């Protein structure tokens, strides 16, 4: 049984092998993932120097547990709902939402979300989600993938003479390290539960 699960990601252990039931469960997982991303974006945990928001945790968790294709469908669905003006992003609300928000200072990070979900999905498909060490490395890479377009976009918007790293990177590193540790522990632990349930 362990051999049969080696190429699967977590979400696929819940899915039937094919047919209409598979498509229905995939659609339900996408809806659940979008809801999780929207709720997580609004969670703020007090922390120094800035509060921890759970949006990136949810993004990386979706990628690692859904795989590249289902994860991509989920993150694109989430961004599509946000583009329509729904309040699903960390800083969106009554004053700014939709495409106006998405083209603002967080636009590069949102692109990074898409790239990170796909990257984490492929890492999970390769089995990196089964061990804490490899999962931590994959999550670290995912964070880098989010930050690179985010910082490049900030520099493009505001100019490279501005303190871009102080605005868009360094205040978030402590919180990101905590979220990385949480996800690196949680996902392999869920695999252990799956193994026990099927054992």
Protein backbone atom coordinates (compact mmCIF):
# COMPACT_ATOMS: atom_id res chain seq x y z
CA UNK A 1 0.00 0.00 0.00
CA UNK A 2 2.86 2.39 0.78
CA UNK A 3 4.23 1.83 -2.72
CA UNK A 4 0.85 2.72 -4.24
CA UNK A 5 0.85 6.06 -2.42
CA UNK A 6 4.38 7.18 -3.31
CA UNK A 7 3.38 9.38 -6.26
CA UNK A 8 0.30 10.89 -4.61
CA UNK A 9 -0.18 14.14 -2.77
CA UNK A 10 -2.28 14.37 0.37
CA UNK A 11 -5.50 15.48 -1.30
CA UNK A 12 -5.37 12.55 -3.72
CA UNK A 13 -5.58 10.07 -0.85
CA UNK A 14 -9.14 11.35 -0.37
CA UNK A 15 -10.14 11.00 -4.02
CA UNK A 16 -11.62 8.09 -5.94
CA UNK A 17 -9.64 6.80 -8.91
CA UNK A 18 -11.85 8.24 -11.64
CA UNK A 19 -15.28 9.03 -12.98
CA UNK A 20 -17.78 11.67 -11.94
CA UNK A 21 -17.04 11.14 -8.24
CA UNK A 22 -13.44 12.21 -8.82
CA UNK A 23 -14.47 15.42 -10.59
CA UNK A 24 -17.03 16.27 -7.90
CA UNK A 25 -14.48 15.78 -5.12
CA UNK A 26 -11.88 17.81 -7.00
CA UNK A 27 -14.39 20.66 -7.37
CA UNK A 28 -15.22 20.48 -3.68
CA UNK A 29 -11.53 20.56 -2.79
CA UNK A 30 -11.01 23.64 -4.97
CA UNK A 31 -13.94 25.39 -3.28
CA UNK A 32 -12.65 24.40 0.16
CA UNK A 33 -9.15 25.58 -0.75
CA UNK A 34 -10.41 28.96 -1.95
CA UNK A 35 -12.39 29.36 1.27
CA UNK A 36 -9.32 28.44 3.33
CA UNK A 37 -7.17 30.98 1.45
CA UNK A 38 -9.75 33.72 1.95
CA UNK A 39 -10.18 33.04 5.67
CA UNK A 40 -6.44 32.64 6.29
CA UNK A 41 -5.74 35.99 4.60
CA UNK A 42 -7.81 37.72 7.28
CA UNK A 43 -6.19 35.99 10.27
CA UNK A 44 -3.67 38.21 12.02
CA UNK A 45 -1.64 36.95 14.97
CA UNK A 46 0.08 39.62 17.11
CA UNK A 47 3.82 39.44 16.61
CA UNK A 48 6.89 41.69 16.52
CA UNK A 49 7.75 43.59 14.37
CA UNK A 50 4.51 43.08 12.41
CA UNK A 51 1.49 40.80 12.93
CA UNK A 52 1.67 37.36 11.33
CA UNK A 53 -0.90 36.90 8.59
CA UNK A 54 -1.73 33.34 7.62
CA UNK A 55 -2.18 33.92 3.90
CA UNK A 56 1.22 32.58 2.84
CA UNK A 57 0.83 29.60 5.17
CA UNK A 58 -2.42 28.69 3.41
CA UNK A 59 -0.88 29.22 -0.04
CA UNK A 60 2.05 26.91 0.68
CA UNK A 61 -0.19 24.35 2.40
CA UNK A 62 -2.52 24.25 -0.62
CA UNK A 63 0.42 23.69 -2.95
CA UNK A 64 1.91 20.94 -0.82
CA UNK A 65 -1.34 19.11 -0.15
CA UNK A 66 -3.16 19.59 -3.47
CA UNK A 67 -0.37 19.04 -5.99
CA UNK A 68 0.47 21.26 -8.98
CA UNK A 69 -2.72 20.97 -11.05
CA UNK A 70 -5.38 21.09 -8.35
CA UNK A 71 -3.32 23.67 -6.45
CA UNK A 72 -3.06 25.85 -9.55
CA UNK A 73 -6.82 25.64 -10.15
CA UNK A 74 -7.41 26.63 -6.54
CA UNK A 75 -5.06 29.63 -6.45
CA UNK A 76 -6.34 30.89 -9.81
CA UNK A 77 -9.91 30.56 -8.55
CA UNK A 78 -8.97 32.53 -5.45
CA UNK A 79 -7.32 35.28 -7.49
CA UNK A 80 -10.28 35.34 -9.87
CA UNK A 81 -12.71 35.89 -7.00
CA UNK A 82 -10.45 38.62 -5.66
CA UNK A 83 -10.30 40.26 -9.09
CA UNK A 84 -14.10 40.46 -9.08
CA UNK A 85 -13.89 42.68 -6.02
CA UNK A 86 -14.58 40.24 -3.19
CA UNK A 87 -12.70 40.95 0.04
CA UNK A 88 -10.44 37.88 0.08
CA UNK A 89 -6.95 39.37 0.30
CA UNK A 90 -4.89 40.39 3.33
CA UNK A 91 -5.26 44.14 2.80
CA UNK A 92 -8.35 44.34 0.61
CA UNK A 93 -11.56 45.88 1.90
CA UNK A 94 -14.07 48.63 1.33
CA UNK A 95 -11.46 51.20 0.31
CA UNK A 96 -9.53 49.13 -2.22
CA UNK A 97 -10.30 45.76 -3.75
CA UNK A 98 -10.43 43.87 -7.02
CA UNK A 99 -7.95 44.63 -9.78
CA UNK A 100 -7.05 47.95 -8.18
CA UNK A 101 -5.77 46.13 -5.11
CA UNK A 102 -4.12 43.39 -7.16
CA UNK A 103 -2.16 45.90 -9.23
CA UNK A 104 -0.95 47.72 -6.12
CA UNK A 105 1.97 46.92 -3.86
CA UNK A 106 0.95 43.29 -3.32
CA UNK A 107 0.65 42.45 -7.02
CA UNK A 108 4.05 40.79 -7.26
CA UNK A 109 3.38 38.68 -4.19
CA UNK A 110 0.12 37.45 -5.70
CA UNK A 111 2.04 36.31 -8.78
CA UNK A 112 4.47 34.65 -6.39
CA UNK A 113 1.55 32.80 -4.82
CA UNK A 114 0.77 31.17 -8.16
CA UNK A 115 4.38 30.17 -8.79
CA UNK A 116 4.86 28.90 -5.23
CA UNK A 117 1.72 26.74 -5.32
CA UNK A 118 2.93 25.02 -8.47
CA UNK A 119 6.46 24.58 -7.12
CA UNK A 120 5.21 23.12 -3.81
CA UNK A 121 2.86 20.88 -5.75
CA UNK A 122 5.71 19.39 -7.75
CA UNK A 123 7.83 19.01 -4.62
CA UNK A 124 4.98 17.12 -2.96
CA UNK A 125 4.52 14.97 -6.06
CA UNK A 126 8.20 14.05 -5.74
CA UNK A 127 7.63 12.96 -2.14
CA UNK A 128 9.21 15.93 -0.38
CA UNK A 129 6.08 16.32 1.76
CA UNK A 130 6.75 13.05 3.60
CA UNK A 131 9.71 14.25 5.72
CA UNK A 132 10.08 17.35 7.84
CA UNK A 133 13.53 18.23 6.48
CA UNK A 134 12.61 18.08 2.81
CA UNK A 135 9.27 19.77 3.46
CA UNK A 136 11.09 22.61 5.20
CA UNK A 137 13.42 23.03 2.21
CA UNK A 138 10.46 23.04 -0.20
CA UNK A 139 8.65 25.61 1.93
CA UNK A 140 11.76 27.78 2.11
CA UNK A 141 11.99 27.67 -1.69
CA UNK A 142 8.28 28.52 -1.85
CA UNK A 143 8.82 31.57 0.32
CA UNK A 144 11.68 32.72 -1.90
CA UNK A 145 9.47 32.24 -4.96
CA UNK A 146 6.82 34.48 -3.36
CA UNK A 147 9.26 37.18 -2.33
CA UNK A 148 11.22 37.55 -5.57
CA UNK A 149 8.36 38.83 -7.78
CA UNK A 150 6.93 40.68 -4.79
CA UNK A 151 10.10 42.69 -4.22
CA UNK A 152 10.69 43.20 -7.94
CA UNK A 153 7.18 44.62 -8.27
CA UNK A 154 7.69 46.94 -5.28
CA UNK A 155 10.92 48.22 -6.81
CA UNK A 156 9.19 48.80 -10.13
CA UNK A 157 6.29 50.66 -8.49
CA UNK A 158 8.16 52.85 -6.04
CA UNK A 159 11.71 52.97 -7.38
CA UNK A 160 14.88 51.20 -6.34
CA UNK A 161 16.02 54.20 -4.31
CA UNK A 162 13.35 53.29 -1.74
CA UNK A 163 13.93 50.87 1.18
CA UNK A 164 12.29 47.97 -0.66
CA UNK A 165 13.69 45.22 1.58
CA UNK A 166 12.62 47.09 4.72
CA UNK A 167 9.12 47.44 3.30
CA UNK A 168 8.57 44.04 1.77
CA UNK A 169 10.93 41.49 3.30
CA UNK A 170 12.69 41.95 6.61
CA UNK A 171 9.64 42.72 8.80
CA UNK A 172 8.05 39.42 7.77
CA UNK A 173 10.97 37.02 8.20
CA UNK A 174 10.27 36.03 11.82
CA UNK A 175 6.62 35.30 11.09
CA UNK A 176 7.52 33.38 7.95
CA UNK A 177 9.98 31.23 9.89
CA UNK A 178 7.23 30.34 12.37
CA UNK A 179 4.77 29.50 9.59
CA UNK A 180 7.41 27.45 7.79
CA UNK A 181 8.07 25.41 10.92
CA UNK A 182 4.35 24.85 11.44
CA UNK A 183 3.75 23.66 7.87
CA UNK A 184 6.92 21.53 7.82
CA UNK A 185 5.65 19.74 10.92
CA UNK A 186 1.98 19.51 9.98
CA UNK A 187 2.11 18.05 6.47
CA UNK A 188 4.44 15.10 7.21
CA UNK A 189 2.36 14.44 10.36
CA UNK A 190 -0.77 14.21 8.22
CA UNK A 191 1.00 11.68 6.00
CA UNK A 192 1.74 9.59 9.06
CA UNK A 193 -1.94 9.62 9.96
CA UNK A 194 -2.82 8.55 6.40
CA UNK A 195 -0.32 5.71 6.66
CA UNK A 196 -1.81 4.52 9.96
CA UNK A 197 -5.35 4.75 8.62
CA UNK A 198 -4.43 2.62 5.62
CA UNK A 199 -2.21 0.27 7.58
